[in-house]
Protein backbone atom coordinates (compact mmCIF):
# COMPACT_ATOMS: atom_id res chain seq x y z
CA MET A 1 -6.72 -7.20 65.06
CA PHE A 2 -6.35 -7.32 61.26
CA VAL A 3 -8.51 -10.38 60.93
CA SER A 4 -11.56 -8.69 62.37
CA GLN A 5 -11.16 -5.73 60.02
CA ALA A 6 -10.92 -8.05 57.01
CA PHE A 7 -14.17 -9.78 57.94
CA ALA A 8 -15.84 -6.42 58.47
CA GLN A 9 -15.23 -5.30 54.86
CA THR A 10 -17.95 -5.74 52.28
CA GLY A 11 -17.70 -7.78 49.02
CA ALA A 12 -15.42 -7.05 46.07
CA PRO A 13 -15.04 -3.35 45.41
CA GLY A 14 -16.71 -1.97 42.24
CA GLY A 15 -17.95 -4.93 40.22
CA GLY A 16 -18.43 -2.59 37.22
CA ASP A 17 -20.51 -3.42 34.28
CA PHE A 18 -19.60 -5.80 31.47
CA ILE A 19 -19.29 -3.19 28.69
CA THR A 20 -16.81 -0.98 30.54
CA THR A 21 -14.79 -4.08 31.45
CA MET A 22 -14.61 -5.36 27.86
CA LEU A 23 -14.13 -1.97 26.16
CA PRO A 24 -10.32 -1.83 26.60
CA LEU A 25 -9.93 -5.35 25.18
CA VAL A 26 -12.05 -4.49 22.16
CA LEU A 27 -10.08 -1.28 21.57
CA ILE A 28 -6.78 -3.18 21.77
CA PHE A 29 -8.04 -5.70 19.21
CA VAL A 30 -9.15 -2.91 16.85
CA VAL A 31 -5.75 -1.19 17.11
CA PHE A 32 -3.93 -4.49 16.46
CA TYR A 33 -6.16 -5.18 13.46
CA PHE A 34 -5.49 -1.85 11.77
CA LEU A 35 -1.79 -1.61 12.66
CA LEU A 36 -0.65 -5.23 12.29
CA ILE A 37 -3.11 -7.68 10.76
CA ARG A 38 -4.57 -5.65 7.89
CA PRO A 39 -1.23 -4.35 6.49
CA GLN A 40 0.24 -7.87 6.63
CA GLN A 41 -2.71 -9.30 4.71
CA LYS A 42 -2.31 -6.56 2.10
CA ARG A 43 1.42 -7.36 1.69
CA MET A 44 0.67 -11.08 1.37
CA LYS A 45 -1.96 -10.39 -1.30
CA GLU A 46 0.45 -8.19 -3.32
CA HIS A 47 3.24 -10.77 -2.99
CA LYS A 48 0.98 -13.58 -4.17
CA ALA A 49 -0.11 -11.52 -7.20
CA LYS A 50 3.51 -10.68 -8.01
CA ILE A 51 4.62 -14.31 -7.80
CA GLY A 52 1.62 -15.44 -9.84
CA ALA A 53 2.51 -13.02 -12.66
CA ILE A 54 6.08 -14.29 -13.21
CA ARG A 55 6.94 -14.91 -16.87
CA ALA A 56 9.99 -16.02 -18.76
CA GLY A 57 12.57 -13.23 -18.86
CA ASP A 58 11.81 -11.81 -15.41
CA ARG A 59 14.70 -11.34 -12.97
CA VAL A 60 13.86 -12.88 -9.60
CA VAL A 61 15.34 -13.36 -6.13
CA THR A 62 14.91 -16.79 -4.54
CA GLY A 63 14.46 -17.51 -0.84
CA GLY A 64 18.18 -18.26 -0.56
CA GLY A 65 19.09 -14.87 -2.01
CA ILE A 66 20.07 -16.15 -5.46
CA LEU A 67 19.45 -13.69 -8.29
CA GLY A 68 18.56 -15.10 -11.67
CA LYS A 69 16.55 -14.81 -14.85
CA VAL A 70 13.52 -17.01 -15.42
CA VAL A 71 14.07 -19.08 -18.57
CA LYS A 72 11.16 -21.51 -18.48
CA ILE A 73 8.00 -22.02 -16.45
CA ASP A 74 6.65 -25.52 -15.74
CA GLY A 75 3.51 -25.04 -13.66
CA GLU A 76 4.76 -24.48 -10.12
CA GLU A 77 8.43 -24.90 -11.07
CA LEU A 78 10.65 -22.25 -12.63
CA VAL A 79 13.92 -22.80 -14.45
CA VAL A 80 16.19 -19.93 -13.39
CA ASP A 81 19.44 -19.05 -15.16
CA ILE A 82 21.82 -17.88 -12.41
CA ALA A 83 25.07 -17.81 -14.43
CA ASP A 84 26.35 -18.76 -17.88
CA ASN A 85 25.26 -22.36 -18.52
CA VAL A 86 24.05 -22.75 -14.92
CA ARG A 87 20.32 -23.30 -14.52
CA VAL A 88 18.43 -24.31 -11.41
CA ARG A 89 14.86 -25.42 -10.92
CA VAL A 90 13.03 -23.68 -8.10
CA VAL A 91 9.49 -23.90 -6.81
CA ARG A 92 7.46 -20.77 -7.52
CA GLY A 93 6.70 -20.32 -3.80
CA THR A 94 10.39 -19.91 -2.93
CA VAL A 95 10.71 -16.77 -5.05
CA THR A 96 10.76 -13.83 -2.66
CA ASP A 97 10.82 -10.92 -5.11
CA VAL A 98 10.63 -10.01 -8.78
CA VAL A 99 13.47 -7.56 -9.41
CA SER A 100 12.58 -6.56 -12.96
CA LYS A 101 9.69 -7.47 -15.20
CA THR A 102 9.91 -8.10 -18.91
CA GLU A 103 7.86 -6.12 -21.38
CA PRO A 104 4.52 -7.72 -22.28
CA ALA A 105 4.47 -9.77 -25.47
CA ALA A 106 3.00 -8.26 -28.63
CA GLY A 107 -0.24 -10.23 -28.18
CA ASP A 108 -0.78 -9.04 -24.60
CA LYS A 109 -3.01 -6.04 -24.15
CA PRO A 110 -2.17 -3.49 -21.44
CA ASP A 111 -4.59 -3.34 -18.53
CA ASP A 112 -4.94 0.43 -18.53
CA LYS A 113 -6.39 2.54 -21.32
CA GLY A 114 -3.66 4.67 -22.85
CA ASP A 115 0.10 4.59 -22.63
CA ALA A 116 0.73 8.01 -21.07
CA LYS A 117 0.76 8.12 -17.30
CA PRO A 118 0.26 11.43 -15.54
CA GLU A 119 3.32 12.61 -13.68
CA GLY A 120 3.01 13.91 -10.18
CA GLY A 121 5.16 16.16 -8.05
CA LEU A 122 7.91 18.20 -9.70
CA GLY A 123 8.13 15.97 -12.79
CA ARG A 124 5.56 17.99 -14.69
CA PHE A 125 7.49 21.23 -14.09
CA LEU A 126 10.91 19.84 -14.96
CA LYS A 127 9.78 18.56 -18.38
CA LYS A 128 8.89 22.05 -19.65
């Protein structure tokens, strides 16, 4: 009884057209790009710039969680002072964060024009 009804049915229901079939997949990709991929690329770019700008005197955190002060830079290797008379050599890529930056040397010129930075929020009202 059921077999005859199955043979009596027509082909696959609603073949649809290609654009309406692919539209949800394209929308999912766009959402993933803006919510996941793009922010991660931005963070990686900022991290690479931060690691590339390390100088002697900066306080850094290594991949193992060791805090120290950069004493010397040898290309891709950093000599980090982690305690009194204890220095370790680490590869620049293993530094995860720069905790505090040193002031630029006297010969370095600041990137921005002018030393005063405008204050936002309530800072401008509290100074008066």
